Amino acid sequence: MADFNNIQSKSVLVIGDIMLDAYYTGEISRISPEAPVPVFRKERERSVLGGAANVAANLIAADQKVTLMSLIGDDSEGEYLKKKISKMGIDTELIMTDKKRSTTVKTRFLAGHNQHVIRMDVEDAMPIDEEMTGHMLSMLRERISSYDLILLSDYMKGLLTYEFTQGVIEIGNTAKVPVLVDVKDRNVEKYSGAYLLKPNLNELRNLTGLRISEDNDKEIIKAAEVLRKRCNCKYVLATCGSKGMVLTGEDEPGYFNKAVAREVYDVTGAGDTTIAYLSACMVNGFSMRESVDIANCAAGIQVSKVGTSSVYWREIRSALSKKAMHVEQKILKGDALKKFRKIHEEQVVVFTNGCFDILHSGHVKYLRKAASLGEVLVVGLNSDASVKRLKGPKRPVNNQEDRAEILCALGFVDYVVIFEEDTPLELIKVIQPDVLVKGGDYQPENVVGADFVKSRGGELILIPFVEGKSTTNIIKKIEEDMRDE
């Protein structure tokens, strides 16, 4: 088994269509008087690397040495994109400029709760000509010995034509450098001879012409194997959305890896993250199954974020350790509690607390939102004695061990700490959270521990409770129902 904690920096060449992903965030609160359309009021904007450039960015996040081969327009957007790529530490020597084309820019408008309203694309998908094809293949032949792996990211924007794609695969195979392809085209022959193909379910249908039900494992495996044989590839990794991924190969009859259960905020860039981490693992000597497991984990982290963004090893390590963690390991106490902050010093720690007596949907939504504000969520749980002092002699309904176990069963809760005091101030001082979360019914100046957290550069965030959801209301309803009987 490869050493997960000893990742080496290998040289990966990413070839594909690059673009700029721009995000305009704002709000819609009225309809235009000029036409029956909503008015979007922009509040802020940001831009990130998209397409093959996002694949390269994820490889940089995975501590790999990355060179990008692509084509941009001779325009201000292309110049800005190239500078942004270079700033990330990606080698841009093989990014060509074409005066005849425009740089691809995708602008997304996001309203309340990051809801996509509309997307505006500026692009030129004209196929590269014979002269550019020959020039780029010639540069690749001269440098092929410098690379440990080639990754093709096909976004159908004109770079990866049949001639160019086949030329790259031939050069890679001759030099014994594996070529992995994130596919888009319906042309099966275009990808023939690659080491691995990564289609999603819809692309798998298009490439094979087979009808595939996403709920039928046998149909997915059969189609992946048909594609693999048609393209003479060693492996096919089919991504199946919320179902997970399936790997087929000469030595792999069909390995399913279920998707990591996470709150899905945005699927943008999930495929880029998958192929990037699959490549990083393979080039570092991981087995194919290990590579798929980690790529799947990385994709799960990506969809929990908003917009195109990178995933880092520390996030994957954290996610995999949580997955393997038993309930008793999630309850912090003793030496584990004392060492907590040192172990998680590079992660954004979120802290909240409460009685959580009868767990209901309001609690779950509140905790899920709290978890989304950082990388590690710690829940301080009032002990039985503490609850009695706060709520009265009839509470809690459930004892502290049961309440802790139920909280630990929530995938987005990383740790639970039972505390005896009436307030969690001393616990907050031990945990040293970066984000302190309380319910929206609190005034900021009344939140215990807020001053301590802010003094360390952290922040206080108030999350509104779900209307009408509370343990007290549940108990009242049970008592009323019993009286009615």
Protein backbone atom coordinates (compact mmCIF):
# COMPACT_ATOMS: atom_id res chain seq x y z
CA MET A 1 0.00 0.00 0.00
CA ALA A 2 1.33 3.45 -0.96
CA ASP A 3 2.24 5.84 1.83
CA PHE A 4 -0.67 8.30 2.06
CA ASN A 5 1.40 10.70 4.17
CA ASN A 6 4.43 10.77 1.89
CA ILE A 7 3.16 12.27 -1.36
CA GLN A 8 5.95 13.16 -3.78
CA SER A 9 5.93 15.93 -6.35
CA LYS A 10 5.74 14.23 -9.73
CA SER A 11 5.65 16.00 -13.11
CA VAL A 12 2.20 16.02 -14.73
CA LEU A 13 1.38 17.61 -18.10
CA VAL A 14 -2.22 18.79 -18.41
CA ILE A 15 -3.44 19.36 -21.97
CA GLY A 16 -6.87 20.80 -22.60
CA ASP A 17 -9.23 23.73 -22.95
CA ILE A 18 -8.71 26.42 -20.33
CA MET A 19 -11.13 29.14 -19.32
CA LEU A 20 -11.93 31.75 -16.75
CA ASP A 21 -14.87 31.07 -14.42
CA ALA A 22 -16.31 34.38 -13.19
CA TYR A 23 -18.88 34.58 -10.38
CA TYR A 24 -21.16 37.57 -9.80
CA THR A 25 -22.87 37.33 -6.43
CA GLY A 26 -25.84 39.54 -5.60
CA GLU A 27 -29.55 39.59 -4.98
CA ILE A 28 -32.85 39.73 -6.86
CA SER A 29 -35.52 41.75 -5.11
CA ARG A 30 -37.60 43.26 -7.91
CA ILE A 31 -38.79 42.92 -11.49
CA SER A 32 -37.50 45.29 -14.16
CA PRO A 33 -39.97 48.02 -15.25
CA GLU A 34 -38.56 47.68 -18.79
CA ALA A 35 -39.51 44.02 -19.25
CA PRO A 36 -40.90 41.17 -17.11
CA VAL A 37 -37.45 39.98 -16.03
CA PRO A 38 -35.74 39.95 -12.62
CA VAL A 39 -33.20 42.65 -11.80
CA PHE A 40 -29.90 41.27 -10.53
CA ARG A 41 -28.01 43.68 -8.26
CA LYS A 42 -24.35 42.72 -8.18
CA GLU A 43 -22.67 42.92 -4.77
CA ARG A 44 -19.30 41.30 -5.44
CA GLU A 45 -17.39 39.32 -8.04
CA ARG A 46 -14.55 36.85 -8.21
CA SER A 47 -12.86 34.79 -10.90
CA VAL A 48 -11.15 31.40 -10.73
CA LEU A 49 -9.46 28.99 -13.11
CA GLY A 50 -11.82 26.81 -15.12
CA GLY A 51 -11.66 23.79 -17.41
CA ALA A 52 -8.22 22.21 -17.76
CA ALA A 53 -6.80 25.10 -15.72
CA ASN A 54 -8.92 23.98 -12.76
CA VAL A 55 -7.57 20.43 -13.19
CA ALA A 56 -4.06 21.89 -13.06
CA ALA A 57 -4.95 23.95 -9.97
CA ASN A 58 -6.19 20.83 -8.18
CA LEU A 59 -2.96 19.03 -9.07
CA ILE A 60 -1.01 21.93 -7.55
CA ALA A 61 -3.18 21.58 -4.43
CA ALA A 62 -2.24 17.89 -4.51
CA ASP A 63 1.45 18.93 -4.34
CA GLN A 64 2.33 17.93 -7.90
CA LYS A 65 4.56 19.74 -10.41
CA VAL A 66 2.26 20.86 -13.24
CA THR A 67 2.77 22.10 -16.79
CA LEU A 68 -0.24 23.28 -18.79
CA MET A 69 -0.49 23.02 -22.58
CA SER A 70 -3.39 24.95 -24.07
CA LEU A 71 -4.56 27.76 -26.31
CA ILE A 72 -5.89 31.22 -25.43
CA GLY A 73 -7.02 34.25 -27.38
CA ASP A 74 -4.86 37.31 -27.96
CA ASP A 75 -7.00 39.41 -25.62
CA SER A 76 -7.04 40.93 -22.13
CA GLU A 77 -8.95 37.93 -20.74
CA GLY A 78 -6.29 35.55 -22.04
CA GLU A 79 -3.50 37.67 -20.60
CA TYR A 80 -5.26 37.80 -17.22
CA LEU A 81 -5.92 34.04 -17.30
CA LYS A 82 -2.29 33.21 -18.09
CA LYS A 83 -1.02 35.45 -15.27
CA LYS A 84 -3.47 33.84 -12.84
CA ILE A 85 -2.31 30.38 -13.88
CA SER A 86 1.37 31.32 -13.51
CA LYS A 87 0.75 32.86 -10.09
CA MET A 88 -0.42 29.44 -8.85
CA GLY A 89 2.94 27.90 -9.70
CA ILE A 90 1.80 26.20 -12.92
CA ASP A 91 4.29 26.20 -15.81
CA THR A 92 2.71 28.23 -18.67
CA GLU A 93 5.49 27.78 -21.26
CA LEU A 94 3.28 25.58 -23.45
CA ILE A 95 0.23 27.87 -23.47
CA MET A 96 -0.07 29.20 -27.01
CA THR A 97 -1.82 32.41 -28.16
CA ASP A 98 -4.05 32.50 -31.22
CA LYS A 99 -5.04 35.91 -32.60
CA LYS A 100 -8.02 34.36 -34.41
CA ARG A 101 -9.85 33.17 -31.28
CA SER A 102 -11.35 34.50 -28.07
CA THR A 103 -10.46 33.30 -24.58
CA THR A 104 -13.33 31.34 -23.03
CA VAL A 105 -15.02 33.09 -20.10
CA LYS A 106 -18.02 31.66 -18.23
CA THR A 107 -19.82 34.17 -16.02
CA ARG A 108 -22.27 32.82 -13.45
CA PHE A 109 -24.81 35.00 -11.63
CA LEU A 110 -25.57 33.77 -8.10
CA ALA A 111 -28.48 35.13 -6.06
CA GLY A 112 -29.64 34.27 -2.53
CA HIS A 113 -28.26 31.03 -1.03
CA ASN A 114 -25.84 30.83 -4.00
CA GLN A 115 -28.68 29.98 -6.37
CA HIS A 116 -27.58 30.02 -10.02
CA VAL A 117 -29.73 32.51 -11.91
CA ILE A 118 -28.10 32.51 -15.34
CA ARG A 119 -24.75 31.77 -16.98
CA MET A 120 -23.21 33.85 -19.75
CA ASP A 121 -20.52 32.27 -21.95
CA VAL A 122 -18.01 33.98 -24.22
CA GLU A 123 -16.15 31.37 -26.23
CA ASP A 124 -14.66 30.34 -29.56
CA ALA A 125 -14.73 26.58 -30.12
CA MET A 126 -13.07 26.68 -33.56
CA PRO A 127 -10.88 23.55 -34.03
CA ILE A 128 -7.14 24.21 -34.16
CA ASP A 129 -5.64 24.04 -37.64
CA GLU A 130 -3.01 21.67 -39.03
CA GLU A 131 -0.16 24.12 -38.44
CA MET A 132 -0.98 24.61 -34.72
CA THR A 133 -1.48 20.84 -34.31
CA GLY A 134 1.96 20.10 -35.75
CA HIS A 135 3.62 22.84 -33.69
CA MET A 136 2.16 21.64 -30.37
CA LEU A 137 2.90 17.98 -31.05
CA SER A 138 6.48 18.91 -31.94
CA MET A 139 6.88 20.72 -28.59
CA LEU A 140 5.50 17.68 -26.79
CA ARG A 141 7.96 15.29 -28.50
CA GLU A 142 10.86 17.48 -27.41
CA ARG A 143 9.73 17.52 -23.76
CA ILE A 144 8.00 14.14 -23.27
CA SER A 145 10.84 12.73 -21.15
CA SER A 146 10.15 15.46 -18.55
CA TYR A 147 6.70 14.13 -17.66
CA ASP A 148 5.53 11.22 -15.50
CA LEU A 149 1.90 11.39 -16.67
CA ILE A 150 -0.22 13.23 -19.26
CA LEU A 151 -3.77 14.25 -18.50
CA LEU A 152 -6.13 15.33 -21.30
CA SER A 153 -9.08 17.49 -20.21
CA ASP A 154 -11.50 17.73 -23.13
CA TYR A 155 -14.06 20.54 -22.92
CA MET A 156 -14.82 20.52 -26.65
CA LYS A 157 -13.55 24.07 -27.19
CA GLY A 158 -11.44 23.25 -30.25
CA LEU A 159 -8.06 22.17 -28.86
CA LEU A 160 -8.41 18.39 -28.54
CA THR A 161 -9.25 17.53 -32.14
CA TYR A 162 -9.04 13.94 -33.34
CA GLU A 163 -5.62 14.51 -34.94
CA PHE A 164 -4.14 16.30 -31.94
CA THR A 165 -5.58 13.89 -29.35
CA GLN A 166 -4.35 10.82 -31.22
CA GLY A 167 -0.97 12.47 -31.68
CA VAL A 168 -0.62 13.06 -27.94
CA ILE A 169 -1.67 9.48 -27.10
CA GLU A 170 0.81 8.07 -29.62
CA ILE A 171 3.68 10.17 -28.22
CA GLY A 172 2.76 9.17 -24.66
CA ASN A 173 2.55 5.47 -25.48
CA THR A 174 5.87 5.51 -27.34
CA ALA A 175 7.57 7.12 -24.34
CA LYS A 176 5.69 4.84 -21.91
CA VAL A 177 4.03 7.84 -20.25
CA PRO A 178 0.40 7.00 -19.33
CA VAL A 179 -2.26 9.23 -20.87
CA LEU A 180 -5.49 9.76 -18.89
CA VAL A 181 -8.47 11.41 -20.57
CA ASP A 182 -11.46 13.24 -19.10
CA VAL A 183 -13.74 12.68 -22.09
CA LYS A 184 -16.49 14.77 -23.68
CA ASP A 185 -16.59 13.89 -27.39
CA ARG A 186 -18.91 11.25 -28.87
CA ASN A 187 -16.12 10.10 -31.19
CA VAL A 188 -14.83 6.85 -29.66
CA GLU A 189 -11.86 6.59 -32.03
CA LYS A 190 -10.54 9.94 -30.84
CA TYR A 191 -9.58 8.45 -27.46
CA SER A 192 -8.29 5.09 -28.72
CA GLY A 193 -5.11 3.88 -27.06
CA ALA A 194 -5.32 6.00 -23.92
CA TYR A 195 -4.37 4.43 -20.58
CA LEU A 196 -7.61 5.46 -18.82
CA LEU A 197 -10.85 7.18 -19.82
CA LYS A 198 -13.12 9.00 -17.36
CA PRO A 199 -16.67 9.48 -18.67
CA ASN A 200 -19.74 10.35 -16.66
CA LEU A 201 -22.91 8.29 -17.19
CA ASN A 202 -24.26 10.48 -19.98
CA GLU A 203 -20.90 10.46 -21.78
CA LEU A 204 -20.75 6.69 -21.34
CA ARG A 205 -24.15 6.42 -23.06
CA ASN A 206 -23.02 8.67 -25.92
CA LEU A 207 -19.74 6.84 -26.47
CA THR A 208 -21.24 3.34 -26.43
CA GLY A 209 -24.75 3.94 -27.76
CA LEU A 210 -26.08 1.74 -24.95
CA ARG A 211 -29.06 2.42 -22.75
CA ILE A 212 -27.86 2.61 -19.17
CA SER A 213 -29.96 2.95 -16.06
CA GLU A 214 -28.13 4.72 -13.24
CA ASP A 215 -29.71 2.23 -10.83
CA ASN A 216 -28.46 -0.83 -12.72
CA ASP A 217 -24.89 -1.70 -11.70
CA LYS A 218 -24.59 -4.47 -14.29
CA GLU A 219 -25.52 -2.12 -17.16
CA ILE A 220 -22.95 0.46 -16.03
CA ILE A 221 -20.19 -2.14 -15.76
CA LYS A 222 -21.12 -3.65 -19.13
CA ALA A 223 -21.06 -0.24 -20.88
CA ALA A 224 -17.74 0.71 -19.28
CA GLU A 225 -16.22 -2.57 -20.42
CA VAL A 226 -17.60 -2.06 -23.96
CA LEU A 227 -15.99 1.38 -24.07
CA ARG A 228 -12.69 0.07 -22.71
CA LYS A 229 -12.45 -2.63 -25.38
CA ARG A 230 -13.50 -0.32 -28.21
CA CYS A 231 -10.81 2.19 -27.24
CA ASN A 232 -8.20 -0.42 -26.35
CA CYS A 233 -7.72 1.24 -22.95
CA LYS A 234 -6.40 -0.35 -19.79
CA TYR A 235 -9.07 1.22 -17.54
CA VAL A 236 -12.37 3.10 -17.63
CA LEU A 237 -13.55 5.06 -14.60
CA ALA A 238 -17.24 5.96 -14.93
CA THR A 239 -18.48 8.64 -12.55
CA CYS A 240 -22.12 8.12 -11.59
CA GLY A 241 -23.02 11.29 -9.69
CA SER A 242 -24.58 10.64 -6.31
CA LYS A 243 -24.12 6.88 -6.84
CA GLY A 244 -20.33 7.11 -6.83
CA MET A 245 -17.80 5.68 -9.31
CA VAL A 246 -17.12 2.36 -11.02
CA LEU A 247 -13.72 1.19 -12.28
CA THR A 248 -13.31 -1.50 -14.91
CA GLY A 249 -10.10 -2.84 -16.41
CA GLU A 250 -8.16 -5.86 -17.59
CA ASP A 251 -7.57 -6.83 -13.97
CA GLU A 252 -10.69 -5.18 -12.54
CA PRO A 253 -14.13 -6.72 -13.27
CA GLY A 254 -16.00 -3.76 -11.78
CA TYR A 255 -15.08 -1.91 -8.59
CA PHE A 256 -17.82 0.31 -7.18
CA ASN A 257 -16.98 3.11 -4.78
CA LYS A 258 -20.05 4.77 -3.31
CA ALA A 259 -20.25 8.54 -3.19
CA VAL A 260 -19.27 10.21 0.07
CA ALA A 261 -22.48 11.52 1.67
CA ARG A 262 -22.20 15.32 1.82
CA GLU A 263 -24.36 18.39 1.48
CA VAL A 264 -24.23 19.27 -2.24
CA TYR A 265 -23.86 23.00 -2.80
CA ASP A 266 -22.40 23.05 -6.34
CA VAL A 267 -21.24 20.27 -8.68
CA THR A 268 -19.09 22.70 -10.73
CA GLY A 269 -15.57 21.32 -11.09
CA ALA A 270 -16.25 17.95 -9.44
CA GLY A 271 -15.06 16.07 -12.53
CA ASP A 272 -11.87 18.16 -12.65
CA THR A 273 -11.14 17.34 -9.00
CA THR A 274 -11.78 13.63 -9.62
CA ILE A 275 -9.37 13.29 -12.54
CA ALA A 276 -6.74 15.47 -10.82
CA TYR A 277 -6.61 13.38 -7.65
CA LEU A 278 -6.87 10.13 -9.57
CA SER A 279 -3.78 11.24 -11.51
CA ALA A 280 -1.92 12.45 -8.40
CA CYS A 281 -2.49 9.10 -6.70
CA MET A 282 -1.61 6.97 -9.72
CA VAL A 283 1.61 8.85 -10.43
CA ASN A 284 2.58 8.39 -6.77
CA GLY A 285 2.26 4.61 -6.96
CA PHE A 286 -1.15 4.11 -5.36
CA SER A 287 -3.12 1.07 -6.49
CA MET A 288 -6.04 1.75 -8.83
CA ARG A 289 -8.59 1.06 -6.08
CA GLU A 290 -6.79 3.35 -3.65
CA SER A 291 -6.64 6.05 -6.33
CA VAL A 292 -10.37 5.75 -7.02
CA ASP A 293 -11.20 5.85 -3.30
CA ILE A 294 -9.25 9.07 -2.78
CA ALA A 295 -10.53 10.67 -6.01
CA ASN A 296 -14.09 9.92 -4.90
CA CYS A 297 -13.42 11.46 -1.50
CA ALA A 298 -11.96 14.58 -3.18
CA ALA A 299 -15.04 14.90 -5.41
CA GLY A 300 -17.28 14.68 -2.34
CA ILE A 301 -15.39 17.57 -0.75
CA GLN A 302 -15.61 19.60 -3.97
CA VAL A 303 -19.40 19.41 -4.29
CA SER A 304 -19.75 20.67 -0.70
CA LYS A 305 -18.11 23.93 -1.78
CA VAL A 306 -19.59 26.78 -3.81
CA GLY A 307 -18.19 27.25 -7.30
CA THR A 308 -14.97 26.09 -8.91
CA SER A 309 -12.28 25.58 -6.27
CA SER A 310 -9.35 23.38 -5.29
CA VAL A 311 -9.28 20.49 -2.83
CA TYR A 312 -6.25 19.91 -0.60
CA TRP A 313 -4.65 16.78 0.88
CA ARG A 314 -5.37 17.95 4.43
CA GLU A 315 -9.09 18.04 3.59
CA ILE A 316 -8.94 14.50 2.21
CA ARG A 317 -6.97 13.21 5.19
CA SER A 318 -9.54 14.76 7.51
CA ALA A 319 -12.49 13.35 5.55
CA LEU A 320 -11.06 9.83 5.36
CA SER A 321 -10.21 9.82 9.06
CA LYS A 322 -13.77 10.86 9.89
CA LYS A 323 -15.17 8.10 7.70
CA ALA A 324 -13.20 5.47 9.60
CA MET A 325 -13.93 6.96 13.00
CA HIS A 326 -16.12 5.07 15.48
CA VAL A 327 -18.55 6.78 17.84
CA GLU A 328 -16.27 6.42 20.85
CA GLN A 329 -13.45 8.09 18.89
CA LYS A 330 -15.64 11.11 18.14
CA ILE A 331 -16.28 11.83 21.82
CA LEU A 332 -13.42 14.03 23.00
CA LYS A 333 -12.17 13.77 26.55
CA GLY A 334 -8.97 13.50 28.58
CA ASP A 335 -5.69 13.64 26.64
CA ALA A 336 -7.49 13.64 23.28
CA LEU A 337 -9.26 16.86 24.25
CA LYS A 338 -6.02 18.47 25.45
CA LYS A 339 -4.23 17.61 22.18
CA PHE A 340 -7.16 18.53 19.94
CA ARG A 341 -6.09 22.02 18.89
CA LYS A 342 -2.52 20.99 18.14
CA ILE A 343 -3.69 18.12 15.93
CA HIS A 344 -6.09 20.39 14.02
CA GLU A 345 -3.97 23.56 14.04
CA GLU A 346 -4.10 23.95 10.23
CA GLN A 347 -7.86 23.45 9.97
CA VAL A 348 -10.78 25.82 10.42
CA VAL A 349 -12.48 24.64 13.62
CA VAL A 350 -16.16 25.43 14.24
CA PHE A 351 -17.69 25.18 17.72
CA THR A 352 -21.27 25.24 18.91
CA ASN A 353 -23.02 23.90 22.00
CA GLY A 354 -26.40 22.91 23.38
CA CYS A 355 -28.47 20.29 25.18
CA PHE A 356 -29.74 18.52 22.03
CA ASP A 357 -32.15 16.56 24.21
CA ILE A 358 -34.62 15.25 21.63
CA LEU A 359 -32.86 15.62 18.29
CA HIS A 360 -35.17 17.08 15.61
CA SER A 361 -34.91 18.51 12.08
CA GLY A 362 -34.21 22.00 13.42
CA HIS A 363 -31.13 20.68 15.22
CA VAL A 364 -29.95 18.80 12.13
CA LYS A 365 -30.28 21.82 9.81
CA TYR A 366 -28.55 24.05 12.35
CA LEU A 367 -25.61 21.65 12.80
CA ARG A 368 -25.28 21.00 9.07
CA LYS A 369 -25.05 24.75 8.45
CA ALA A 370 -22.49 25.10 11.25
CA ALA A 371 -20.38 22.32 9.70
CA SER A 372 -20.35 24.13 6.35
CA LEU A 373 -18.59 27.12 7.96
CA GLY A 374 -15.29 25.27 8.45
CA GLU A 375 -13.47 21.96 8.23
CA VAL A 376 -13.98 20.48 11.72
CA LEU A 377 -17.20 20.79 13.74
CA VAL A 378 -17.01 20.32 17.52
CA VAL A 379 -20.28 20.18 19.48
CA GLY A 380 -20.22 20.97 23.19
CA LEU A 381 -22.95 18.92 24.89
CA ASN A 382 -24.41 19.93 28.25
CA SER A 383 -24.13 17.09 30.78
CA ASP A 384 -27.25 15.71 32.48
CA ALA A 385 -26.55 17.75 35.63
CA SER A 386 -26.04 20.90 33.57
CA VAL A 387 -29.31 20.36 31.67
CA LYS A 388 -31.24 19.93 34.92
CA ARG A 389 -29.91 23.25 36.22
CA LEU A 390 -30.82 24.99 32.97
CA LYS A 391 -34.10 23.27 32.02
CA GLY A 392 -35.53 21.95 35.29
CA PRO A 393 -35.70 18.61 37.15
CA LYS A 394 -37.68 16.79 34.41
CA ARG A 395 -34.93 17.26 31.85
CA PRO A 396 -33.09 15.83 30.07
CA VAL A 397 -35.39 13.26 28.50
CA ASN A 398 -32.38 11.40 27.08
CA ASN A 399 -29.20 10.91 29.10
CA GLN A 400 -25.88 12.39 28.03
CA GLU A 401 -24.47 9.13 26.65
CA ASP A 402 -27.48 8.62 24.37
CA ARG A 403 -27.48 12.26 23.26
CA ALA A 404 -23.76 12.11 22.48
CA GLU A 405 -24.10 8.89 20.47
CA ILE A 406 -26.92 10.33 18.35
CA LEU A 407 -24.88 13.45 17.60
CA CYS A 408 -21.85 11.34 16.68
CA ALA A 409 -24.00 9.45 14.17
CA LEU A 410 -24.39 12.65 12.12
CA GLY A 411 -21.71 12.55 9.44
CA PHE A 412 -21.09 16.29 9.53
CA VAL A 413 -20.43 16.31 13.31
CA ASP A 414 -16.75 15.56 13.84
CA TYR A 415 -16.45 15.61 17.63
CA VAL A 416 -18.67 15.82 20.70
CA VAL A 417 -17.49 17.06 24.11
CA ILE A 418 -19.66 16.64 27.22
CA PHE A 419 -19.16 19.52 29.68
CA GLU A 420 -20.41 19.90 33.26
CA GLU A 421 -20.44 23.70 33.62
CA ASP A 422 -23.47 25.91 32.94
CA THR A 423 -21.58 27.67 30.13
CA PRO A 424 -19.02 26.32 27.64
CA LEU A 425 -16.48 29.11 28.25
CA GLU A 426 -13.72 26.89 29.66
CA LEU A 427 -14.28 24.34 26.90
CA ILE A 428 -14.07 27.08 24.26
CA LYS A 429 -10.71 28.10 25.70
CA VAL A 430 -9.46 24.54 25.25
CA ILE A 431 -10.91 24.02 21.76
CA GLN A 432 -9.86 27.52 20.55
CA PRO A 433 -12.34 27.57 17.65
CA ASP A 434 -11.95 29.77 14.59
CA VAL A 435 -15.73 30.07 14.26
CA LEU A 436 -18.19 30.20 17.17
CA VAL A 437 -21.80 29.44 16.22
CA LYS A 438 -24.98 30.16 18.19
CA GLY A 439 -28.68 30.38 17.43
CA GLY A 440 -30.20 33.47 15.88
CA ASP A 441 -32.20 34.26 19.02
CA TYR A 442 -28.98 35.38 20.75
CA GLN A 443 -27.63 38.94 20.79
CA PRO A 444 -23.92 38.97 19.85
CA GLU A 445 -22.91 40.67 23.09
CA ASN A 446 -24.60 37.91 25.11
CA VAL A 447 -22.83 34.94 23.50
CA VAL A 448 -20.47 33.27 25.97
CA GLY A 449 -16.96 32.92 24.59
CA ALA A 450 -17.43 35.36 21.70
CA ASP A 451 -14.85 37.82 23.07
CA PHE A 452 -12.27 35.05 23.49
CA VAL A 453 -12.80 33.75 19.94
CA LYS A 454 -12.63 37.24 18.42
CA SER A 455 -9.46 38.05 20.40
CA ARG A 456 -7.76 35.19 18.52
CA GLY A 457 -8.92 36.45 15.12
CA GLY A 458 -11.99 34.20 14.96
CA GLU A 459 -15.60 35.16 14.33
CA LEU A 460 -19.08 34.72 15.77
CA ILE A 461 -21.87 33.59 13.42
CA LEU A 462 -25.53 33.46 14.43
CA ILE A 463 -27.68 30.89 12.60
CA PRO A 464 -31.47 31.33 12.69
CA PHE A 465 -33.40 28.45 14.24
CA VAL A 466 -36.07 26.64 12.22
CA GLU A 467 -39.41 28.17 13.19
CA GLY A 468 -41.51 26.03 15.53
CA LYS A 469 -38.90 23.30 15.98
CA SER A 470 -37.81 22.73 19.58
CA THR A 471 -37.52 19.98 22.18
CA THR A 472 -39.90 21.92 24.46
CA ASN A 473 -42.59 21.96 21.75
CA ILE A 474 -42.16 18.24 21.13
CA ILE A 475 -42.58 17.49 24.85
CA LYS A 476 -45.66 19.73 25.04
CA LYS A 477 -47.24 17.96 22.07
CA ILE A 478 -46.62 14.54 23.62
CA GLU A 479 -48.17 15.69 26.91
CA GLU A 480 -51.22 17.14 25.11
CA ASP A 481 -51.69 13.96 23.07
CA MET A 482 -51.54 11.89 26.28
CA ARG A 483 -54.17 14.09 27.95
CA ASP A 484 -56.45 13.79 24.89
CA GLU A 485 -56.29 10.00 25.15
